[in-house]
């Protein structure tokens, strides 16, 4: 399995086991067609990109950005966006997925509201070594 697929799977499992009270699933292939079916909300997981440190003998640090998109039908009630944002933060901040460094929180922000569904993004980063299979040292 690719490192990114494994990372996403680990994050999905961690969030699903946290008892957040919402659907937890990968970000949809066609976000414009996504329909929120859960009566409370959803947490959608996507690896939005990576950046790499300078290469030293074929070894680099790969830092991945993980975005958890929170969709909820309420803003500030006990089942609303604020509670879910804090739940996602408490579940993932400092947690260490297999073969990666612990996740660090980068930001969370309001994205949009559409027909009573509030959307926020919470951003985390994690890193691991990327070692070239063509490493001149070995």
N, C-alpha and C. Protein backbone atom coordinates (compact mmCIF):
# COMPACT_ATOMS: atom_id res chain seq x y z
N UNK A 1 0.86 -1.18 0.00
CA UNK A 1 0.00 0.00 0.00
C UNK A 1 0.90 1.24 0.00
N UNK A 2 0.47 2.26 -0.71
CA UNK A 2 1.25 3.49 -0.74
C UNK A 2 1.27 4.14 0.65
N UNK A 3 2.30 4.92 0.89
CA UNK A 3 2.42 5.61 2.18
C UNK A 3 1.23 6.55 2.41
N UNK A 4 0.78 7.22 1.35
CA UNK A 4 -0.33 8.16 1.50
C UNK A 4 -1.65 7.45 1.78
N UNK A 5 -1.89 6.33 1.10
CA UNK A 5 -3.11 5.56 1.37
C UNK A 5 -3.12 5.04 2.80
N UNK A 6 -1.96 4.57 3.26
CA UNK A 6 -1.87 4.07 4.64
C UNK A 6 -2.09 5.19 5.64
N UNK A 7 -1.53 6.36 5.37
CA UNK A 7 -1.73 7.51 6.26
C UNK A 7 -3.21 7.88 6.32
N UNK A 8 -3.85 7.99 5.17
CA UNK A 8 -5.27 8.32 5.15
C UNK A 8 -6.09 7.27 5.90
N UNK A 9 -5.80 6.00 5.68
CA UNK A 9 -6.53 4.92 6.35
C UNK A 9 -6.36 4.99 7.87
N UNK A 10 -5.14 5.27 8.33
CA UNK A 10 -4.89 5.40 9.77
C UNK A 10 -5.68 6.56 10.37
N UNK A 11 -5.71 7.68 9.66
CA UNK A 11 -6.44 8.85 10.16
C UNK A 11 -7.94 8.57 10.19
N UNK A 12 -8.46 7.93 9.15
CA UNK A 12 -9.88 7.57 9.13
C UNK A 12 -10.23 6.67 10.31
N UNK A 13 -9.38 5.69 10.58
CA UNK A 13 -9.62 4.77 11.70
C UNK A 13 -9.58 5.51 13.03
N UNK A 14 -8.60 6.40 13.19
CA UNK A 14 -8.47 7.16 14.44
C UNK A 14 -9.69 8.04 14.68
N UNK A 15 -10.13 8.74 13.65
CA UNK A 15 -11.30 9.61 13.79
C UNK A 15 -12.57 8.79 14.04
N UNK A 16 -12.73 7.68 13.31
CA UNK A 16 -13.93 6.86 13.47
C UNK A 16 -14.02 6.26 14.87
N UNK A 17 -12.87 5.96 15.47
CA UNK A 17 -12.88 5.35 16.81
C UNK A 17 -13.02 6.39 17.93
N UNK A 18 -13.01 7.67 17.58
CA UNK A 18 -13.05 8.73 18.59
C UNK A 18 -14.46 9.04 19.09
N UNK A 19 -15.47 8.48 18.47
CA UNK A 19 -16.83 8.74 18.92
C UNK A 19 -17.27 10.17 18.72
N UNK A 20 -16.95 10.73 17.57
CA UNK A 20 -17.30 12.13 17.29
C UNK A 20 -18.78 12.32 16.98
N UNK A 21 -19.50 11.25 16.69
CA UNK A 21 -20.93 11.35 16.44
C UNK A 21 -21.30 11.78 15.04
N UNK A 22 -20.34 11.69 14.11
CA UNK A 22 -20.59 12.04 12.71
C UNK A 22 -20.00 10.95 11.81
N UNK A 23 -20.39 10.99 10.55
CA UNK A 23 -19.81 10.10 9.56
C UNK A 23 -18.36 10.51 9.32
N UNK A 24 -17.46 9.52 9.24
CA UNK A 24 -16.05 9.77 8.93
C UNK A 24 -15.74 9.01 7.65
N UNK A 25 -15.25 9.72 6.64
CA UNK A 25 -14.96 9.07 5.36
C UNK A 25 -13.94 9.86 4.57
N UNK A 26 -13.35 9.23 3.54
CA UNK A 26 -12.41 9.97 2.69
C UNK A 26 -13.13 11.09 1.96
N UNK A 27 -12.38 12.12 1.63
CA UNK A 27 -12.91 13.22 0.84
C UNK A 27 -13.43 12.64 -0.48
N UNK A 28 -14.59 13.06 -0.95
CA UNK A 28 -15.17 12.45 -2.15
C UNK A 28 -14.40 12.81 -3.42
N UNK A 29 -14.45 11.90 -4.39
CA UNK A 29 -13.81 12.15 -5.68
C UNK A 29 -14.43 13.35 -6.39
N UNK A 30 -15.73 13.52 -6.21
CA UNK A 30 -16.44 14.64 -6.83
C UNK A 30 -17.14 15.44 -5.74
N UNK A 31 -16.39 16.36 -5.10
CA UNK A 31 -16.96 17.10 -3.96
C UNK A 31 -18.24 17.87 -4.31
N UNK A 32 -18.34 18.34 -5.52
CA UNK A 32 -19.53 19.11 -5.91
C UNK A 32 -20.79 18.25 -5.90
N UNK A 33 -20.62 16.92 -5.97
CA UNK A 33 -21.77 16.02 -5.97
C UNK A 33 -22.02 15.39 -4.60
N UNK A 34 -21.21 15.75 -3.59
CA UNK A 34 -21.35 15.14 -2.27
C UNK A 34 -22.63 15.62 -1.60
N UNK A 35 -23.37 14.68 -1.03
CA UNK A 35 -24.57 15.00 -0.28
C UNK A 35 -24.37 14.55 1.16
N UNK A 36 -24.54 15.46 2.09
CA UNK A 36 -24.43 15.14 3.51
C UNK A 36 -25.70 14.41 3.93
N UNK A 37 -25.56 13.11 4.23
CA UNK A 37 -26.71 12.30 4.62
C UNK A 37 -26.83 12.15 6.13
N UNK A 38 -25.71 12.25 6.84
CA UNK A 38 -25.72 12.12 8.29
C UNK A 38 -26.53 13.27 8.88
N UNK A 39 -27.44 13.00 9.82
CA UNK A 39 -28.26 14.08 10.38
C UNK A 39 -27.47 15.11 11.17
N UNK A 40 -26.26 14.74 11.63
CA UNK A 40 -25.44 15.68 12.40
C UNK A 40 -24.36 16.29 11.53
N UNK A 41 -23.56 15.45 10.87
CA UNK A 41 -22.48 15.99 10.06
C UNK A 41 -21.51 14.92 9.59
N UNK A 42 -20.37 15.38 9.09
CA UNK A 42 -19.35 14.48 8.56
C UNK A 42 -17.98 15.09 8.75
N UNK A 43 -16.99 14.20 8.84
CA UNK A 43 -15.58 14.60 8.82
C UNK A 43 -14.96 13.89 7.63
N UNK A 44 -14.47 14.67 6.67
CA UNK A 44 -13.91 14.13 5.44
C UNK A 44 -12.40 14.34 5.45
N UNK A 45 -11.65 13.30 5.07
CA UNK A 45 -10.20 13.31 5.18
C UNK A 45 -9.57 13.34 3.79
N UNK A 46 -8.60 14.24 3.60
CA UNK A 46 -7.85 14.27 2.35
C UNK A 46 -6.40 14.66 2.64
N UNK A 47 -5.48 14.05 1.92
CA UNK A 47 -4.08 14.47 1.94
C UNK A 47 -3.97 15.49 0.82
N UNK A 48 -3.77 16.75 1.17
CA UNK A 48 -3.86 17.80 0.16
C UNK A 48 -2.54 18.11 -0.54
N UNK A 49 -1.45 17.52 -0.07
CA UNK A 49 -0.18 17.73 -0.76
C UNK A 49 1.00 17.48 0.16
N UNK A 50 2.17 17.54 -0.45
CA UNK A 50 3.42 17.33 0.29
C UNK A 50 4.44 18.36 -0.14
N UNK A 51 5.39 18.60 0.74
CA UNK A 51 6.57 19.37 0.37
C UNK A 51 7.78 18.59 0.88
N UNK A 52 8.92 18.83 0.28
CA UNK A 52 10.11 18.04 0.55
C UNK A 52 11.27 18.93 0.95
N UNK A 53 12.08 18.43 1.87
CA UNK A 53 13.30 19.14 2.25
C UNK A 53 14.33 18.93 1.14
N UNK A 54 15.43 19.68 1.19
CA UNK A 54 16.51 19.41 0.23
C UNK A 54 16.99 17.96 0.38
N UNK A 55 17.40 17.39 -0.73
CA UNK A 55 17.87 16.01 -0.73
C UNK A 55 19.33 15.94 -0.30
N UNK A 56 19.61 15.01 0.61
CA UNK A 56 20.99 14.73 1.01
C UNK A 56 21.21 13.25 0.76
N UNK A 57 22.00 12.96 -0.26
CA UNK A 57 22.27 11.57 -0.64
C UNK A 57 21.00 10.76 -0.86
N UNK A 58 20.01 11.36 -1.49
CA UNK A 58 18.77 10.66 -1.81
C UNK A 58 17.78 10.56 -0.67
N UNK A 59 18.04 11.25 0.44
CA UNK A 59 17.13 11.22 1.58
C UNK A 59 16.54 12.61 1.79
N UNK A 60 15.22 12.66 1.91
CA UNK A 60 14.52 13.92 2.15
C UNK A 60 13.45 13.71 3.21
N UNK A 61 13.06 14.81 3.84
CA UNK A 61 11.89 14.77 4.71
C UNK A 61 10.68 15.16 3.86
N UNK A 62 9.67 14.30 3.89
CA UNK A 62 8.42 14.57 3.19
C UNK A 62 7.40 15.01 4.24
N UNK A 63 6.92 16.24 4.10
CA UNK A 63 5.92 16.77 5.02
C UNK A 63 4.59 16.84 4.29
N UNK A 64 3.61 16.11 4.81
CA UNK A 64 2.29 16.03 4.18
C UNK A 64 1.29 16.89 4.93
N UNK A 65 0.46 17.54 4.16
CA UNK A 65 -0.62 18.34 4.70
C UNK A 65 -1.90 17.50 4.65
N UNK A 66 -2.55 17.37 5.80
CA UNK A 66 -3.78 16.61 5.93
C UNK A 66 -4.90 17.59 6.26
N UNK A 67 -5.96 17.54 5.48
CA UNK A 67 -7.10 18.43 5.72
C UNK A 67 -8.30 17.59 6.14
N UNK A 68 -8.88 17.96 7.27
CA UNK A 68 -10.12 17.36 7.73
C UNK A 68 -11.22 18.39 7.49
N UNK A 69 -12.08 18.10 6.54
CA UNK A 69 -13.21 18.98 6.25
C UNK A 69 -14.38 18.56 7.12
N UNK A 70 -14.87 19.49 7.91
CA UNK A 70 -15.98 19.24 8.83
C UNK A 70 -17.23 19.87 8.22
N UNK A 71 -18.25 19.06 8.05
CA UNK A 71 -19.55 19.52 7.58
C UNK A 71 -20.57 19.27 8.68
N UNK A 72 -21.27 20.30 9.11
CA UNK A 72 -22.27 20.14 10.17
C UNK A 72 -23.50 20.98 9.88
N UNK A 73 -24.59 20.56 10.48
CA UNK A 73 -25.86 21.26 10.27
C UNK A 73 -26.10 22.36 11.30
N UNK A 74 -25.27 22.41 12.33
CA UNK A 74 -25.39 23.45 13.36
C UNK A 74 -24.03 24.09 13.57
N UNK A 75 -24.04 25.32 14.04
CA UNK A 75 -22.78 26.03 14.24
C UNK A 75 -22.24 25.86 15.65
N UNK A 76 -23.00 26.25 16.64
CA UNK A 76 -22.43 26.31 17.99
C UNK A 76 -23.19 25.49 19.03
N UNK A 77 -24.13 24.64 18.62
CA UNK A 77 -24.82 23.80 19.59
C UNK A 77 -23.91 22.65 20.01
N UNK A 78 -24.40 21.80 20.89
CA UNK A 78 -23.59 20.68 21.37
C UNK A 78 -23.25 19.69 20.24
N UNK A 79 -23.96 19.74 19.12
CA UNK A 79 -23.63 18.89 17.97
C UNK A 79 -23.10 19.72 16.81
N UNK A 80 -22.65 20.92 17.09
CA UNK A 80 -22.27 21.84 16.03
C UNK A 80 -20.81 21.81 15.66
N UNK A 81 -20.47 22.76 14.79
CA UNK A 81 -19.12 22.85 14.23
C UNK A 81 -18.06 23.04 15.30
N UNK A 82 -18.31 23.91 16.26
CA UNK A 82 -17.28 24.19 17.26
C UNK A 82 -16.92 22.94 18.05
N UNK A 83 -17.93 22.19 18.46
CA UNK A 83 -17.69 20.96 19.21
C UNK A 83 -16.93 19.94 18.37
N UNK A 84 -17.32 19.81 17.11
CA UNK A 84 -16.66 18.85 16.23
C UNK A 84 -15.23 19.27 15.91
N UNK A 85 -15.01 20.56 15.69
CA UNK A 85 -13.64 21.05 15.45
C UNK A 85 -12.73 20.71 16.62
N UNK A 86 -13.22 20.96 17.83
CA UNK A 86 -12.42 20.63 19.02
C UNK A 86 -12.22 19.13 19.15
N UNK A 87 -13.23 18.34 18.79
CA UNK A 87 -13.10 16.89 18.84
C UNK A 87 -12.06 16.38 17.87
N UNK A 88 -12.04 16.93 16.66
CA UNK A 88 -11.03 16.54 15.67
C UNK A 88 -9.64 16.93 16.17
N UNK A 89 -9.51 18.14 16.69
CA UNK A 89 -8.22 18.60 17.22
C UNK A 89 -7.74 17.69 18.35
N UNK A 90 -8.61 17.40 19.30
CA UNK A 90 -8.22 16.56 20.43
C UNK A 90 -7.88 15.14 20.01
N UNK A 91 -8.49 14.67 18.94
CA UNK A 91 -8.25 13.31 18.46
C UNK A 91 -6.93 13.19 17.70
N UNK A 92 -6.59 14.20 16.91
CA UNK A 92 -5.44 14.05 16.01
C UNK A 92 -4.18 14.80 16.43
N UNK A 93 -4.32 15.91 17.14
CA UNK A 93 -3.13 16.70 17.50
C UNK A 93 -2.22 15.89 18.42
N UNK A 94 -1.00 15.62 17.95
CA UNK A 94 -0.03 14.86 18.74
C UNK A 94 -0.12 13.35 18.55
N UNK A 95 -1.17 12.87 17.91
CA UNK A 95 -1.32 11.44 17.64
C UNK A 95 -0.36 11.04 16.52
N UNK A 96 0.22 9.86 16.62
CA UNK A 96 1.24 9.42 15.66
C UNK A 96 0.74 8.24 14.83
N UNK A 97 0.49 8.48 13.54
CA UNK A 97 0.13 7.37 12.65
C UNK A 97 1.35 6.49 12.39
N UNK A 98 1.11 5.25 12.01
CA UNK A 98 2.21 4.31 11.74
C UNK A 98 3.15 4.87 10.68
N UNK A 99 4.45 4.83 10.96
CA UNK A 99 5.52 5.22 10.04
C UNK A 99 5.57 6.72 9.75
N UNK A 100 4.89 7.54 10.55
CA UNK A 100 4.90 8.99 10.38
C UNK A 100 5.20 9.64 11.72
N UNK A 101 5.57 10.90 11.69
CA UNK A 101 5.74 11.69 12.90
C UNK A 101 4.36 12.08 13.44
N UNK A 102 4.27 12.46 14.72
CA UNK A 102 2.98 12.90 15.26
C UNK A 102 2.40 14.07 14.46
N UNK A 103 1.08 14.10 14.35
CA UNK A 103 0.43 15.19 13.64
C UNK A 103 0.52 16.47 14.45
N UNK A 104 0.77 17.57 13.75
CA UNK A 104 0.76 18.88 14.38
C UNK A 104 -0.38 19.70 13.75
N UNK A 105 -1.07 20.45 14.58
CA UNK A 105 -2.17 21.29 14.10
C UNK A 105 -1.58 22.54 13.45
N UNK A 106 -2.11 22.89 12.29
CA UNK A 106 -1.64 24.07 11.56
C UNK A 106 -2.69 25.18 11.60
N UNK A 107 -3.94 24.84 11.28
CA UNK A 107 -4.98 25.88 11.26
C UNK A 107 -6.36 25.23 11.21
N UNK A 108 -7.36 26.02 11.53
CA UNK A 108 -8.73 25.67 11.18
C UNK A 108 -9.43 26.96 10.79
N UNK A 109 -10.35 26.83 9.85
CA UNK A 109 -11.01 28.03 9.36
C UNK A 109 -12.36 27.71 8.76
N UNK A 110 -13.23 28.69 8.84
CA UNK A 110 -14.54 28.62 8.19
C UNK A 110 -14.33 28.67 6.69
N UNK A 111 -15.04 27.82 5.95
CA UNK A 111 -14.94 27.81 4.49
C UNK A 111 -16.20 28.40 3.87
N UNK A 112 -17.36 27.84 4.23
CA UNK A 112 -18.61 28.32 3.64
C UNK A 112 -19.80 27.78 4.43
N UNK A 113 -20.96 28.35 4.15
CA UNK A 113 -22.24 27.83 4.64
C UNK A 113 -23.15 27.75 3.44
N UNK A 114 -23.79 26.59 3.27
CA UNK A 114 -24.67 26.41 2.13
C UNK A 114 -25.90 25.63 2.58
N UNK A 115 -27.05 26.26 2.50
CA UNK A 115 -28.33 25.63 2.85
C UNK A 115 -28.31 25.02 4.25
N UNK A 116 -27.69 25.73 5.19
CA UNK A 116 -27.67 25.28 6.57
C UNK A 116 -26.59 24.29 6.92
N UNK A 117 -25.70 24.00 5.98
CA UNK A 117 -24.56 23.12 6.25
C UNK A 117 -23.31 24.00 6.33
N UNK A 118 -22.68 23.96 7.51
CA UNK A 118 -21.48 24.74 7.76
C UNK A 118 -20.25 23.91 7.43
N UNK A 119 -19.28 24.52 6.74
CA UNK A 119 -18.05 23.81 6.39
C UNK A 119 -16.84 24.53 6.97
N UNK A 120 -16.02 23.77 7.68
CA UNK A 120 -14.75 24.23 8.21
C UNK A 120 -13.67 23.26 7.77
N UNK A 121 -12.45 23.75 7.62
CA UNK A 121 -11.30 22.89 7.36
C UNK A 121 -10.33 23.00 8.52
N UNK A 122 -9.89 21.85 9.02
CA UNK A 122 -8.83 21.79 10.01
C UNK A 122 -7.63 21.15 9.33
N UNK A 123 -6.48 21.81 9.44
CA UNK A 123 -5.28 21.38 8.72
C UNK A 123 -4.24 20.89 9.72
N UNK A 124 -3.67 19.74 9.40
CA UNK A 124 -2.58 19.14 10.17
C UNK A 124 -1.42 18.85 9.23
N UNK A 125 -0.24 18.68 9.81
CA UNK A 125 0.91 18.21 9.04
C UNK A 125 1.60 17.08 9.79
N UNK A 126 2.22 16.20 9.01
CA UNK A 126 3.03 15.12 9.54
C UNK A 126 4.14 14.87 8.53
N UNK A 127 5.20 14.22 8.98
CA UNK A 127 6.33 14.00 8.08
C UNK A 127 6.93 12.61 8.28
N UNK A 128 7.70 12.21 7.30
CA UNK A 128 8.44 10.96 7.33
C UNK A 128 9.61 11.11 6.36
N UNK A 129 10.57 10.23 6.46
CA UNK A 129 11.68 10.26 5.53
C UNK A 129 11.26 9.66 4.20
N UNK A 130 11.67 10.31 3.14
CA UNK A 130 11.50 9.78 1.79
C UNK A 130 12.90 9.40 1.31
N UNK A 131 13.11 8.11 1.10
CA UNK A 131 14.43 7.62 0.70
C UNK A 131 14.34 7.12 -0.73
N UNK A 132 15.16 7.68 -1.59
CA UNK A 132 15.14 7.30 -2.99
C UNK A 132 15.55 5.84 -3.17
N UNK A 133 14.82 5.10 -4.02
CA UNK A 133 15.26 3.74 -4.31
C UNK A 133 16.55 3.73 -5.12
N UNK A 134 16.95 4.90 -5.58
CA UNK A 134 18.18 5.05 -6.35
C UNK A 134 19.25 5.72 -5.51
N UNK A 135 19.16 5.54 -4.20
CA UNK A 135 20.07 6.16 -3.24
C UNK A 135 21.51 5.77 -3.55
N UNK A 136 22.38 6.75 -3.80
CA UNK A 136 23.77 6.43 -4.12
C UNK A 136 24.54 5.84 -2.94
N UNK A 137 23.99 5.95 -1.74
CA UNK A 137 24.70 5.43 -0.56
C UNK A 137 24.29 4.01 -0.21
N UNK A 138 23.38 3.46 -0.98
CA UNK A 138 23.11 2.15 -0.56
C UNK A 138 22.02 1.35 -0.97
